[in-house]
Amino acid sequence: MISAFAEDFETLVNKMLSAGIAHDKLNYMLVQLTNETAVKGGPQAYFDHCLWTQAEGKRLLAEFEARYGDKLDINELAKGNLVAKSA
């Protein structure tokens, strides 16, 4: 069941992207929806969601740095400048 739902969700996301919704807008919508759902679940659900979001953010940043750290200047990227590292 989860697998079928994930496929449906992926199809929906791809349709939204194809319709011109930007990645950042789609991400914002998803984060807001999960946050609102957690708040409705009460203090424990909301707290757990906050902790999970923080841990997932750290994991994603580590993954990003592992993938691009040797190619991009991460400090410049944090300032909004996409700068390739010099060879």
PDB file of N, CA and C in Angstrom:
ATOM      1  N   MET A   1       0.832  -1.194   0.000  1.00  0.00           N
ATOM      2  CA  MET A   1       0.000   0.000   0.000  1.00  0.00           C
ATOM      3  C   MET A   1       0.877   1.258   0.000  1.00  0.00           C
ATOM      4  N   ILE A   2       1.897   1.297   0.870  1.00  0.00           N
ATOM      5  CA  ILE A   2       2.773   2.473   0.928  1.00  0.00           C
ATOM      6  C   ILE A   2       3.457   2.659  -0.426  1.00  0.00           C
ATOM      7  N   SER A   3       3.873   1.568  -1.025  1.00  0.00           N
ATOM      8  CA  SER A   3       4.566   1.641  -2.310  1.00  0.00           C
ATOM      9  C   SER A   3       3.667   2.259  -3.381  1.00  0.00           C
ATOM     10  N   ALA A   4       2.429   1.837  -3.428  1.00  0.00           N
ATOM     11  CA  ALA A   4       1.485   2.384  -4.405  1.00  0.00           C
ATOM     12  C   ALA A   4       1.234   3.863  -4.134  1.00  0.00           C
ATOM     13  N   PHE A   5       1.107   4.220  -2.857  1.00  0.00           N
ATOM     14  CA  PHE A   5       0.909   5.616  -2.494  1.00  0.00           C
ATOM     15  C   PHE A   5       2.109   6.447  -2.913  1.00  0.00           C
ATOM     16  N   ALA A   6       3.313   5.930  -2.673  1.00  0.00           N
ATOM     17  CA  ALA A   6       4.534   6.653  -3.040  1.00  0.00           C
ATOM     18  C   ALA A   6       4.597   6.880  -4.547  1.00  0.00           C
ATOM     19  N   GLU A   7       4.204   5.899  -5.321  1.00  0.00           N
ATOM     20  CA  GLU A   7       4.185   6.056  -6.782  1.00  0.00           C
ATOM     21  C   GLU A   7       3.166   7.118  -7.196  1.00  0.00           C
ATOM     22  N   ASP A   8       1.985   7.103  -6.589  1.00  0.00           N
ATOM     23  CA  ASP A   8       0.966   8.118  -6.881  1.00  0.00           C
ATOM     24  C   ASP A   8       1.471   9.503  -6.503  1.00  0.00           C
ATOM     25  N   PHE A   9       2.123   9.593  -5.350  1.00  0.00           N
ATOM     26  CA  PHE A   9       2.654  10.868  -4.885  1.00  0.00           C
ATOM     27  C   PHE A   9       3.731  11.375  -5.833  1.00  0.00           C
ATOM     28  N   GLU A  10       4.622  10.481  -6.245  1.00  0.00           N
ATOM     29  CA  GLU A  10       5.678  10.869  -7.186  1.00  0.00           C
ATOM     30  C   GLU A  10       5.080  11.348  -8.506  1.00  0.00           C
ATOM     31  N   THR A  11       4.040  10.691  -8.971  1.00  0.00           N
ATOM     32  CA  THR A  11       3.356  11.105 -10.198  1.00  0.00           C
ATOM     33  C   THR A  11       2.769  12.504 -10.025  1.00  0.00           C
ATOM     34  N   LEU A  12       2.144  12.753  -8.882  1.00  0.00           N
ATOM     35  CA  LEU A  12       1.566  14.071  -8.603  1.00  0.00           C
ATOM     36  C   LEU A  12       2.642  15.150  -8.576  1.00  0.00           C
ATOM     37  N   VAL A  13       3.755  14.873  -7.911  1.00  0.00           N
ATOM     38  CA  VAL A  13       4.853  15.834  -7.844  1.00  0.00           C
ATOM     39  C   VAL A  13       5.379  16.128  -9.240  1.00  0.00           C
ATOM     40  N   ASN A  14       5.580  15.099 -10.038  1.00  0.00           N
ATOM     41  CA  ASN A  14       6.073  15.295 -11.407  1.00  0.00           C
ATOM     42  C   ASN A  14       5.099  16.119 -12.243  1.00  0.00           C
ATOM     43  N   LYS A  15       3.808  15.901 -12.054  1.00  0.00           N
ATOM     44  CA  LYS A  15       2.801  16.708 -12.766  1.00  0.00           C
ATOM     45  C   LYS A  15       2.885  18.169 -12.339  1.00  0.00           C
ATOM     46  N   MET A  16       3.080  18.398 -11.057  1.00  0.00           N
ATOM     47  CA  MET A  16       3.177  19.770 -10.557  1.00  0.00           C
ATOM     48  C   MET A  16       4.423  20.461 -11.130  1.00  0.00           C
ATOM     49  N   LEU A  17       5.525  19.739 -11.158  1.00  0.00           N
ATOM     50  CA  LEU A  17       6.754  20.308 -11.720  1.00  0.00           C
ATOM     51  C   LEU A  17       6.587  20.569 -13.211  1.00  0.00           C
ATOM     52  N   SER A  18       5.943  19.640 -13.910  1.00  0.00           N
ATOM     53  CA  SER A  18       5.704  19.813 -15.347  1.00  0.00           C
ATOM     54  C   SER A  18       4.783  20.994 -15.629  1.00  0.00           C
ATOM     55  N   ALA A  19       3.902  21.286 -14.674  1.00  0.00           N
ATOM     56  CA  ALA A  19       2.976  22.412 -14.823  1.00  0.00           C
ATOM     57  C   ALA A  19       3.649  23.746 -14.539  1.00  0.00           C
ATOM     58  N   GLY A  20       4.930  23.692 -14.158  1.00  0.00           N
ATOM     59  CA  GLY A  20       5.667  24.933 -13.962  1.00  0.00           C
ATOM     60  C   GLY A  20       5.818  25.381 -12.524  1.00  0.00           C
ATOM     61  N   ILE A  21       5.383  24.558 -11.575  1.00  0.00           N
ATOM     62  CA  ILE A  21       5.579  24.925 -10.177  1.00  0.00           C
ATOM     63  C   ILE A  21       7.058  24.713  -9.852  1.00  0.00           C
ATOM     64  N   ALA A  22       7.702  25.737  -9.356  1.00  0.00           N
ATOM     65  CA  ALA A  22       9.133  25.686  -9.061  1.00  0.00           C
ATOM     66  C   ALA A  22       9.406  24.742  -7.887  1.00  0.00           C
ATOM     67  N   HIS A  23      10.604  24.142  -7.914  1.00  0.00           N
ATOM     68  CA  HIS A  23      10.994  23.224  -6.841  1.00  0.00           C
ATOM     69  C   HIS A  23      10.869  23.862  -5.462  1.00  0.00           C
ATOM     70  N   ASP A  24      11.311  25.113  -5.334  1.00  0.00           N
ATOM     71  CA  ASP A  24      11.269  25.737  -4.011  1.00  0.00           C
ATOM     72  C   ASP A  24       9.837  25.942  -3.535  1.00  0.00           C
ATOM     73  N   LYS A  25       8.929  26.263  -4.438  1.00  0.00           N
ATOM     74  CA  LYS A  25       7.516  26.441  -4.062  1.00  0.00           C
ATOM     75  C   LYS A  25       6.898  25.104  -3.666  1.00  0.00           C
ATOM     76  N   LEU A  26       7.212  24.053  -4.425  1.00  0.00           N
ATOM     77  CA  LEU A  26       6.704  22.724  -4.111  1.00  0.00           C
ATOM     78  C   LEU A  26       7.240  22.260  -2.753  1.00  0.00           C
ATOM     79  N   ASN A  27       8.520  22.459  -2.528  1.00  0.00           N
ATOM     80  CA  ASN A  27       9.115  22.078  -1.248  1.00  0.00           C
ATOM     81  C   ASN A  27       8.463  22.829  -0.099  1.00  0.00           C
ATOM     82  N   TYR A  28       8.238  24.131  -0.286  1.00  0.00           N
ATOM     83  CA  TYR A  28       7.605  24.933   0.754  1.00  0.00           C
ATOM     84  C   TYR A  28       6.206  24.395   1.065  1.00  0.00           C
ATOM     85  N   MET A  29       5.449  24.073   0.025  1.00  0.00           N
ATOM     86  CA  MET A  29       4.097  23.547   0.224  1.00  0.00           C
ATOM     87  C   MET A  29       4.134  22.241   1.019  1.00  0.00           C
ATOM     88  N   LEU A  30       5.068  21.370   0.687  1.00  0.00           N
ATOM     89  CA  LEU A  30       5.162  20.081   1.377  1.00  0.00           C
ATOM     90  C   LEU A  30       5.577  20.255   2.836  1.00  0.00           C
ATOM     91  N   VAL A  31       6.534  21.132   3.083  1.00  0.00           N
ATOM     92  CA  VAL A  31       6.967  21.373   4.458  1.00  0.00           C
ATOM     93  C   VAL A  31       5.824  21.972   5.273  1.00  0.00           C
ATOM     94  N   GLN A  32       5.118  22.924   4.697  1.00  0.00           N
ATOM     95  CA  GLN A  32       3.995  23.540   5.413  1.00  0.00           C
ATOM     96  C   GLN A  32       2.921  22.508   5.725  1.00  0.00           C
ATOM     97  N   LEU A  33       2.626  21.647   4.774  1.00  0.00           N
ATOM     98  CA  LEU A  33       1.596  20.634   4.984  1.00  0.00           C
ATOM     99  C   LEU A  33       2.000  19.661   6.092  1.00  0.00           C
ATOM    100  N   THR A  34       3.243  19.188   6.078  1.00  0.00           N
ATOM    101  CA  THR A  34       3.671  18.262   7.123  1.00  0.00           C
ATOM    102  C   THR A  34       3.725  18.961   8.476  1.00  0.00           C
ATOM    103  N   ASN A  35       4.102  20.225   8.480  1.00  0.00           N
ATOM    104  CA  ASN A  35       4.141  20.979   9.731  1.00  0.00           C
ATOM    105  C   ASN A  35       2.735  21.152  10.307  1.00  0.00           C
ATOM    106  N   GLU A  36       1.795  21.523   9.469  1.00  0.00           N
ATOM    107  CA  GLU A  36       0.414  21.704   9.927  1.00  0.00           C
ATOM    108  C   GLU A  36      -0.161  20.395  10.453  1.00  0.00           C
ATOM    109  N   THR A  37       0.162  19.292   9.780  1.00  0.00           N
ATOM    110  CA  THR A  37      -0.300  17.976  10.222  1.00  0.00           C
ATOM    111  C   THR A  37       0.281  17.642  11.590  1.00  0.00           C
ATOM    112  N   ALA A  38       1.560  17.940  11.780  1.00  0.00           N
ATOM    113  CA  ALA A  38       2.207  17.671  13.067  1.00  0.00           C
ATOM    114  C   ALA A  38       1.590  18.511  14.185  1.00  0.00           C
ATOM    115  N   VAL A  39       1.322  19.781  13.916  1.00  0.00           N
ATOM    116  CA  VAL A  39       0.723  20.661  14.921  1.00  0.00           C
ATOM    117  C   VAL A  39      -0.639  20.105  15.355  1.00  0.00           C
ATOM    118  N   LYS A  40      -1.410  19.630  14.387  1.00  0.00           N
ATOM    119  CA  LYS A  40      -2.723  19.062  14.700  1.00  0.00           C
ATOM    120  C   LYS A  40      -2.608  17.799  15.549  1.00  0.00           C
ATOM    121  N   GLY A  41      -1.453  17.139  15.475  1.00  0.00           N
ATOM    122  CA  GLY A  41      -1.244  15.923  16.257  1.00  0.00           C
ATOM    123  C   GLY A  41      -0.932  16.172  17.712  1.00  0.00           C
ATOM    124  N   GLY A  42      -0.771  17.428  18.077  1.00  0.00           N
ATOM    125  CA  GLY A  42      -0.505  17.765  19.468  1.00  0.00           C
ATOM    126  C   GLY A  42       0.966  18.053  19.718  1.00  0.00           C
ATOM    127  N   PRO A  43       1.271  18.463  20.953  1.00  0.00           N
ATOM    128  CA  PRO A  43       2.639  18.880  21.277  1.00  0.00           C
ATOM    129  C   PRO A  43       3.702  17.812  21.012  1.00  0.00           C
ATOM    130  N   GLN A  44       3.428  16.548  21.347  1.00  0.00           N
ATOM    131  CA  GLN A  44       4.433  15.513  21.152  1.00  0.00           C
ATOM    132  C   GLN A  44       4.693  15.269  19.668  1.00  0.00           C
ATOM    133  N   ALA A  45       3.648  15.209  18.871  1.00  0.00           N
ATOM    134  CA  ALA A  45       3.805  14.998  17.431  1.00  0.00           C
ATOM    135  C   ALA A  45       4.544  16.172  16.800  1.00  0.00           C
ATOM    136  N   TYR A  46       4.216  17.365  17.228  1.00  0.00           N
ATOM    137  CA  TYR A  46       4.869  18.560  16.678  1.00  0.00           C
ATOM    138  C   TYR A  46       6.354  18.585  17.063  1.00  0.00           C
ATOM    139  N   PHE A  47       6.651  18.282  18.327  1.00  0.00           N
ATOM    140  CA  PHE A  47       8.035  18.244  18.790  1.00  0.00           C
ATOM    141  C   PHE A  47       8.821  17.178  18.031  1.00  0.00           C
ATOM    142  N   ASP A  48       8.245  15.989  17.903  1.00  0.00           N
ATOM    143  CA  ASP A  48       8.906  14.911  17.158  1.00  0.00           C
ATOM    144  C   ASP A  48       9.174  15.329  15.717  1.00  0.00           C
ATOM    145  N   HIS A  49       8.219  16.012  15.121  1.00  0.00           N
ATOM    146  CA  HIS A  49       8.368  16.494  13.742  1.00  0.00           C
ATOM    147  C   HIS A  49       9.510  17.511  13.657  1.00  0.00           C
ATOM    148  N   CYS A  50       9.581  18.412  14.627  1.00  0.00           N
ATOM    149  CA  CYS A  50      10.667  19.402  14.642  1.00  0.00           C
ATOM    150  C   CYS A  50      12.024  18.714  14.736  1.00  0.00           C
ATOM    151  N   LEU A  51      12.141  17.735  15.623  1.00  0.00           N
ATOM    152  CA  LEU A  51      13.404  17.006  15.760  1.00  0.00           C
ATOM    153  C   LEU A  51      13.752  16.247  14.481  1.00  0.00           C
ATOM    154  N   TRP A  52      12.755  15.603  13.877  1.00  0.00           N
ATOM    155  CA  TRP A  52      12.990  14.861  12.640  1.00  0.00           C
ATOM    156  C   TRP A  52      13.412  15.818  11.526  1.00  0.00           C
ATOM    157  N   THR A  53      12.739  16.957  11.428  1.00  0.00           N
ATOM    158  CA  THR A  53      13.067  17.933  10.394  1.00  0.00           C
ATOM    159  C   THR A  53      14.504  18.417  10.553  1.00  0.00           C
ATOM    160  N   GLN A  54      14.920  18.678  11.784  1.00  0.00           N
ATOM    161  CA  GLN A  54      16.280  19.123  12.046  1.00  0.00           C
ATOM    162  C   GLN A  54      17.285  18.037  11.650  1.00  0.00           C
ATOM    163  N   ALA A  55      17.031  16.801  12.061  1.00  0.00           N
ATOM    164  CA  ALA A  55      17.941  15.695  11.745  1.00  0.00           C
ATOM    165  C   ALA A  55      17.994  15.448  10.234  1.00  0.00           C
ATOM    166  N   GLU A  56      16.858  15.511   9.581  1.00  0.00           N
ATOM    167  CA  GLU A  56      16.814  15.287   8.133  1.00  0.00           C
ATOM    168  C   GLU A  56      17.546  16.399   7.392  1.00  0.00           C
ATOM    169  N   GLY A  57      17.428  17.632   7.870  1.00  0.00           N
ATOM    170  CA  GLY A  57      18.163  18.744   7.273  1.00  0.00           C
ATOM    171  C   GLY A  57      19.665  18.535   7.366  1.00  0.00           C
ATOM    172  N   LYS A  58      20.132  18.075   8.520  1.00  0.00           N
ATOM    173  CA  LYS A  58      21.558  17.807   8.686  1.00  0.00           C
ATOM    174  C   LYS A  58      22.011  16.689   7.760  1.00  0.00           C
ATOM    175  N   ARG A  59      21.185  15.642   7.637  1.00  0.00           N
ATOM    176  CA  ARG A  59      21.523  14.529   6.754  1.00  0.00           C
ATOM    177  C   ARG A  59      21.595  14.985   5.301  1.00  0.00           C
ATOM    178  N   LEU A  60      20.642  15.805   4.893  1.00  0.00           N
ATOM    179  CA  LEU A  60      20.618  16.294   3.517  1.00  0.00           C
ATOM    180  C   LEU A  60      21.812  17.199   3.219  1.00  0.00           C
ATOM    181  N   LEU A  61      22.174  18.052   4.169  1.00  0.00           N
ATOM    182  CA  LEU A  61      23.345  18.911   3.971  1.00  0.00           C
ATOM    183  C   LEU A  61      24.626  18.091   3.862  1.00  0.00           C
ATOM    184  N   ALA A  62      24.739  17.053   4.676  1.00  0.00           N
ATOM    185  CA  ALA A  62      25.917  16.178   4.599  1.00  0.00           C
ATOM    186  C   ALA A  62      25.960  15.466   3.245  1.00  0.00           C
ATOM    187  N   GLU A  63      24.806  15.014   2.782  1.00  0.00           N
ATOM    188  CA  GLU A  63      24.723  14.360   1.470  1.00  0.00           C
ATOM    189  C   GLU A  63      25.089  15.341   0.358  1.00  0.00           C
ATOM    190  N   PHE A  64      24.585  16.557   0.464  1.00  0.00           N
ATOM    191  CA  PHE A  64      24.899  17.585  -0.531  1.00  0.00           C
ATOM    192  C   PHE A  64      26.393  17.855  -0.564  1.00  0.00           C
ATOM    193  N   GLU A  65      26.978  18.028   0.621  1.00  0.00           N
ATOM    194  CA  GLU A  65      28.407  18.329   0.685  1.00  0.00           C
ATOM    195  C   GLU A  65      29.245  17.172   0.149  1.00  0.00           C
ATOM    196  N   ALA A  66      28.832  15.947   0.419  1.00  0.00           N
ATOM    197  CA  ALA A  66      29.551  14.789  -0.108  1.00  0.00           C
ATOM    198  C   ALA A  66      29.467  14.750  -1.630  1.00  0.00           C
ATOM    199  N   ARG A  67      28.334  15.163  -2.166  1.00  0.00           N
ATOM    200  CA  ARG A  67      28.124  15.123  -3.615  1.00  0.00           C
ATOM    201  C   ARG A  67      28.806  16.284  -4.335  1.00  0.00           C
ATOM    202  N   TYR A  68      28.775  17.473  -3.731  1.00  0.00           N
ATOM    203  CA  TYR A  68      29.255  18.672  -4.431  1.00  0.00           C
ATOM    204  C   TYR A  68      30.408  19.395  -3.749  1.00  0.00           C
ATOM    205  N   GLY A  69      30.790  18.963  -2.568  1.00  0.00           N
ATOM    206  CA  GLY A  69      31.808  19.668  -1.790  1.00  0.00           C
ATOM    207  C   GLY A  69      33.130  19.856  -2.504  1.00  0.00           C
ATOM    208  N   ASP A  70      33.502  18.904  -3.333  1.00  0.00           N
ATOM    209  CA  ASP A  70      34.774  19.029  -4.054  1.00  0.00           C
ATOM    210  C   ASP A  70      34.623  19.800  -5.359  1.00  0.00           C
ATOM    211  N   LYS A  71      33.375  20.121  -5.731  1.00  0.00           N
ATOM    212  CA  LYS A  71      33.116  20.820  -6.990  1.00  0.00           C
ATOM    213  C   LYS A  71      32.723  22.282  -6.799  1.00  0.00           C
ATOM    214  N   LEU A  72      32.040  22.564  -5.682  1.00  0.00           N
ATOM    215  CA  LEU A  72      31.507  23.910  -5.446  1.00  0.00           C
ATOM    216  C   LEU A  72      32.075  24.508  -4.167  1.00  0.00           C
ATOM    217  N   ASP A  73      32.192  25.805  -4.163  1.00  0.00           N
ATOM    218  CA  ASP A  73      32.610  26.530  -2.965  1.00  0.00           C
ATOM    219  C   ASP A  73      31.360  26.701  -2.093  1.00  0.00           C
ATOM    220  N   ILE A  74      31.267  25.890  -1.050  1.00  0.00           N
ATOM    221  CA  ILE A  74      30.079  25.873  -0.201  1.00  0.00           C
ATOM    222  C   ILE A  74      29.866  27.219   0.498  1.00  0.00           C
ATOM    223  N   ASN A  75      30.940  27.885   0.902  1.00  0.00           N
ATOM    224  CA  ASN A  75      30.806  29.199   1.552  1.00  0.00           C
ATOM    225  C   ASN A  75      30.189  30.214   0.603  1.00  0.00           C
ATOM    226  N   GLU A  76      30.608  30.201  -0.658  1.00  0.00           N
ATOM    227  CA  GLU A  76      30.019  31.118  -1.647  1.00  0.00           C
ATOM    228  C   GLU A  76      28.569  30.732  -1.943  1.00  0.00           C
ATOM    229  N   LEU A  77      28.310  29.434  -1.991  1.00  0.00           N
ATOM    230  CA  LEU A  77      26.951  28.966  -2.247  1.00  0.00           C
ATOM    231  C   LEU A  77      26.006  29.441  -1.139  1.00  0.00           C
ATOM    232  N   ALA A  78      26.489  29.446   0.095  1.00  0.00           N
ATOM    233  CA  ALA A  78      25.674  29.921   1.221  1.00  0.00           C
ATOM    234  C   ALA A  78      25.336  31.402   1.084  1.00  0.00           C
ATOM    235  N   LYS A  79      26.163  32.136   0.335  1.00  0.00           N
ATOM    236  CA  LYS A  79      25.910  33.561   0.087  1.00  0.00           C
ATOM    237  C   LYS A  79      25.045  33.770  -1.154  1.00  0.00           C
ATOM    238  N   GLY A  80      24.690  32.678  -1.822  1.00  0.00           N
ATOM    239  CA  GLY A  80      23.852  32.777  -3.013  1.00  0.00           C
ATOM    240  C   GLY A  80      24.633  32.816  -4.305  1.00  0.00           C
ATOM    241  N   ASN A  81      25.932  32.525  -4.236  1.00  0.00           N
ATOM    242  CA  ASN A  81      26.782  32.550  -5.416  1.00  0.00           C
ATOM    243  C   ASN A  81      27.203  31.130  -5.785  1.00  0.00           C
ATOM    244  N   LEU A  82      26.821  30.686  -6.960  1.00  0.00           N
ATOM    245  CA  LEU A  82      27.198  29.372  -7.435  1.00  0.00           C
ATOM    246  C   LEU A  82      28.598  29.476  -8.042  1.00  0.00           C
ATOM    247  N   VAL A  83      29.602  29.079  -7.257  1.00  0.00           N
ATOM    248  CA  VAL A  83      30.999  29.236  -7.660  1.00  0.00           C
ATOM    249  C   VAL A  83      31.678  27.873  -7.661  1.00  0.00           C
ATOM    250  N   ALA A  84      32.203  27.503  -8.826  1.00  0.00           N
ATOM    251  CA  ALA A  84      32.947  26.244  -8.907  1.00  0.00           C
ATOM    252  C   ALA A  84      34.294  26.417  -8.232  1.00  0.00           C
ATOM    253  N   LYS A  85      34.760  25.344  -7.606  1.00  0.00           N
ATOM    254  CA  LYS A  85      36.094  25.392  -6.997  1.00  0.00           C
ATOM    255  C   LYS A  85      37.139  25.387  -8.102  1.00  0.00           C
ATOM    256  N   SER A  86      38.213  26.108  -7.858  1.00  0.00           N
ATOM    257  CA  SER A  86      39.319  26.149  -8.814  1.00  0.00           C
ATOM    258  C   SER A  86      40.063  24.829  -8.739  1.00  0.00           C
ATOM    259  N   ALA A  87      40.529  24.393  -9.896  1.00  0.00           N
ATOM    260  CA  ALA A  87      41.264  23.122  -9.949  1.00  0.00           C
ATOM    261  C   ALA A  87      42.678  23.285  -9.481  1.00  0.00           C
TER     262      ALA A  87
END
